[in-house]
C-alpha atoms as a PDB file:
ATOM      1  CA  PRO A   1       0.000   0.000   0.000  1.00  0.00           C
ATOM      2  CA  PHE A   2       1.034   3.576  -0.818  1.00  0.00           C
ATOM      3  CA  GLY A   3       3.909   2.266  -2.952  1.00  0.00           C
ATOM      4  CA  ARG A   4       5.263   3.757  -6.117  1.00  0.00           C
ATOM      5  CA  LEU A   5       6.922   1.922  -8.978  1.00  0.00           C
ATOM      6  CA  VAL A   6       9.167   4.164 -11.071  1.00  0.00           C
ATOM      7  CA  THR A   7      10.383   2.780 -14.357  1.00  0.00           C
ATOM      8  CA  TYR A   8      12.916   4.247 -16.736  1.00  0.00           C
ATOM      9  CA  GLY A   9      14.754   2.763 -19.657  1.00  0.00           C
ATOM     10  CA  ASN A  10      14.005  -0.512 -21.284  1.00  0.00           C
ATOM     11  CA  ALA A  11      17.280  -2.341 -21.824  1.00  0.00           C
ATOM     12  CA  ALA A  12      15.553  -5.555 -22.854  1.00  0.00           C
ATOM     13  CA  ARG A  13      13.463  -3.734 -25.465  1.00  0.00           C
ATOM     14  CA  ALA A  14      10.623  -6.081 -24.564  1.00  0.00           C
ATOM     15  CA  GLY A  15       7.033  -5.036 -24.100  1.00  0.00           C
ATOM     16  CA  PHE A  16       5.832  -3.938 -20.690  1.00  0.00           C
ATOM     17  CA  THR A  17       3.474  -5.952 -18.521  1.00  0.00           C
ATOM     18  CA  PRO A  18       0.048  -4.269 -18.474  1.00  0.00           C
ATOM     19  CA  VAL A  19      -0.928  -2.556 -15.217  1.00  0.00           C
ATOM     20  CA  ASP A  20      -4.475  -2.797 -13.903  1.00  0.00           C
ATOM     21  CA  PRO A  21      -5.543   0.750 -12.849  1.00  0.00           C
ATOM     22  CA  ALA A  22      -8.296  -0.633 -10.617  1.00  0.00           C
ATOM     23  CA  ARG A  23      -5.787  -2.725  -8.676  1.00  0.00           C
ATOM     24  CA  LEU A  24      -3.527   0.300  -8.218  1.00  0.00           C
ATOM     25  CA  GLY A  25      -6.474   2.284  -6.893  1.00  0.00           C
ATOM     26  CA  ARG A  26      -7.293  -0.363  -4.285  1.00  0.00           C
ATOM     27  CA  LEU A  27      -3.740  -0.386  -2.876  1.00  0.00           C
ATOM     28  CA  PRO A  28      -3.405   2.779  -3.287  1.00  0.00           C
ATOM     29  CA  ALA A  29      -0.251   2.818  -5.410  1.00  0.00           C
ATOM     30  CA  SER A  30       1.099   4.430  -8.527  1.00  0.00           C
ATOM     31  CA  VAL A  31       3.300   3.684 -11.502  1.00  0.00           C
ATOM     32  CA  VAL A  32       5.453   6.418 -13.008  1.00  0.00           C
ATOM     33  CA  GLY A  33       7.455   6.131 -16.208  1.00  0.00           C
ATOM     34  CA  PHE A  34      10.256   8.268 -17.557  1.00  0.00           C
ATOM     35  CA  TRP A  35      11.707   8.560 -21.035  1.00  0.00           C
ATOM     36  CA  LEU A  36      14.624  10.945 -21.504  1.00  0.00           C
ATOM     37  CA  ARG A  37      13.984  12.047 -25.104  1.00  0.00           C
ATOM     38  CA  PRO A  38      11.067  14.430 -24.367  1.00  0.00           C
ATOM     39  CA  ALA A  39      13.046  16.005 -21.503  1.00  0.00           C
ATOM     40  CA  LEU A  40      15.974  16.642 -23.841  1.00  0.00           C
ATOM     41  CA  ALA A  41      13.662  18.322 -26.348  1.00  0.00           C
ATOM     42  CA  ALA A  42      12.069  20.674 -23.777  1.00  0.00           C
ATOM     43  CA  PRO A  43      13.788  24.041 -23.270  1.00  0.00           C
ATOM     44  CA  GLY A  44      15.559  23.842 -19.919  1.00  0.00           C
ATOM     45  CA  GLY A  45      14.343  20.272 -19.541  1.00  0.00           C
ATOM     46  CA  VAL A  46      17.685  19.004 -18.357  1.00  0.00           C
ATOM     47  CA  SER A  47      19.833  22.017 -17.420  1.00  0.00           C
ATOM     48  CA  GLU A  48      18.183  22.718 -14.048  1.00  0.00           C
ATOM     49  CA  PRO A  49      17.925  19.070 -12.924  1.00  0.00           C
ATOM     50  CA  LEU A  50      21.513  18.413 -14.030  1.00  0.00           C
ATOM     51  CA  GLY A  51      22.711  21.469 -12.117  1.00  0.00           C
ATOM     52  CA  GLU A  52      21.003  20.195  -8.979  1.00  0.00           C
ATOM     53  CA  LEU A  53      22.368  16.699  -9.570  1.00  0.00           C
ATOM     54  CA  PHE A  54      25.948  17.952  -9.927  1.00  0.00           C
ATOM     55  CA  GLU A  55      25.591  20.056  -6.764  1.00  0.00           C
ATOM     56  CA  LEU A  56      24.376  17.046  -4.769  1.00  0.00           C
ATOM     57  CA  VAL A  57      27.186  14.838  -6.073  1.00  0.00           C
ATOM     58  CA  GLY A  58      29.768  17.568  -5.478  1.00  0.00           C
ATOM     59  CA  ALA A  59      28.565  17.994  -1.899  1.00  0.00           C
ATOM     60  CA  GLY A  60      28.785  14.244  -1.314  1.00  0.00           C
ATOM     61  CA  ARG A  61      25.056  14.002  -0.571  1.00  0.00           C
ATOM     62  CA  LEU A  62      24.398  11.760  -3.550  1.00  0.00           C
ATOM     63  CA  LYS A  63      26.606   8.862  -4.538  1.00  0.00           C
ATOM     64  CA  PRO A  64      26.092   6.776  -7.676  1.00  0.00           C
ATOM     65  CA  VAL A  65      25.354   3.094  -7.223  1.00  0.00           C
ATOM     66  CA  THR A  66      28.138   1.201  -8.894  1.00  0.00           C
ATOM     67  CA  GLY A  67      27.817  -2.410  -9.779  1.00  0.00           C
ATOM     68  CA  PRO A  68      30.490  -4.874 -10.669  1.00  0.00           C
ATOM     69  CA  GLY A  69      33.716  -3.872 -12.365  1.00  0.00           C
ATOM     70  CA  TYR A  70      35.123  -5.959 -15.210  1.00  0.00           C
ATOM     71  CA  PRO A  71      38.520  -5.878 -16.861  1.00  0.00           C
ATOM     72  CA  LEU A  72      38.175  -4.548 -20.408  1.00  0.00           C
ATOM     73  CA  ALA A  73      39.214  -7.980 -21.666  1.00  0.00           C
ATOM     74  CA  GLU A  74      35.985  -9.334 -20.118  1.00  0.00           C
ATOM     75  CA  ALA A  75      33.673  -6.841 -21.837  1.00  0.00           C
ATOM     76  CA  ARG A  76      31.777  -9.687 -23.448  1.00  0.00           C
ATOM     77  CA  ARG A  77      30.996 -11.229 -20.042  1.00  0.00           C
ATOM     78  CA  ALA A  78      29.956  -7.798 -18.708  1.00  0.00           C
ATOM     79  CA  HIS A  79      27.526  -7.395 -21.608  1.00  0.00           C
ATOM     80  CA  GLU A  80      26.150 -10.913 -21.099  1.00  0.00           C
ATOM     81  CA  ASP A  81      25.632 -10.187 -17.392  1.00  0.00           C
ATOM     82  CA  LEU A  82      23.808  -6.957 -18.260  1.00  0.00           C
ATOM     83  CA  LEU A  83      21.524  -8.738 -20.699  1.00  0.00           C
ATOM     84  CA  ALA A  84      20.846 -11.520 -18.197  1.00  0.00           C
ATOM     85  CA  ARG A  85      20.066  -8.901 -15.510  1.00  0.00           C
ATOM     86  CA  ARG A  86      22.751 -10.243 -13.171  1.00  0.00           C
ATOM     87  CA  THR A  87      23.986  -6.733 -12.353  1.00  0.00           C
ATOM     88  CA  VAL A  88      22.799  -3.856 -10.180  1.00  0.00           C
ATOM     89  CA  GLY A  89      24.033  -0.297 -10.610  1.00  0.00           C
ATOM     90  CA  LYS A  90      26.383   0.963 -13.278  1.00  0.00           C
ATOM     91  CA  VAL A  91      28.742  -1.629 -14.704  1.00  0.00           C
ATOM     92  CA  VAL A  92      32.320  -0.399 -15.023  1.00  0.00           C
ATOM     93  CA  LEU A  93      34.868  -1.614 -17.574  1.00  0.00           C
ATOM     94  CA  ARG A  94      38.439  -1.136 -16.331  1.00  0.00           C
ATOM     95  CA  PRO A  95      41.302  -0.687 -18.835  1.00  0.00           C
END
């Protein structure tokens, strides 16, 4: 109850599971989606949020979630793990 599912990106490029609005209303819960392209097209759509983001990171109040690191020679395995959804956070390739 009172939950919120936020979805962004679609790495698998597969269709989304339909959501039943009546079920959400009984919880009550919500689903929010985000697609970057419209934000990039809007005047000022990214400059203010990016400014705030950089301030938070610079102040140490926001830290990115990093996932596993792979040697560059194992880039294929890193990609396979991404596709198989065995990773969490940003995957890093190390030279």
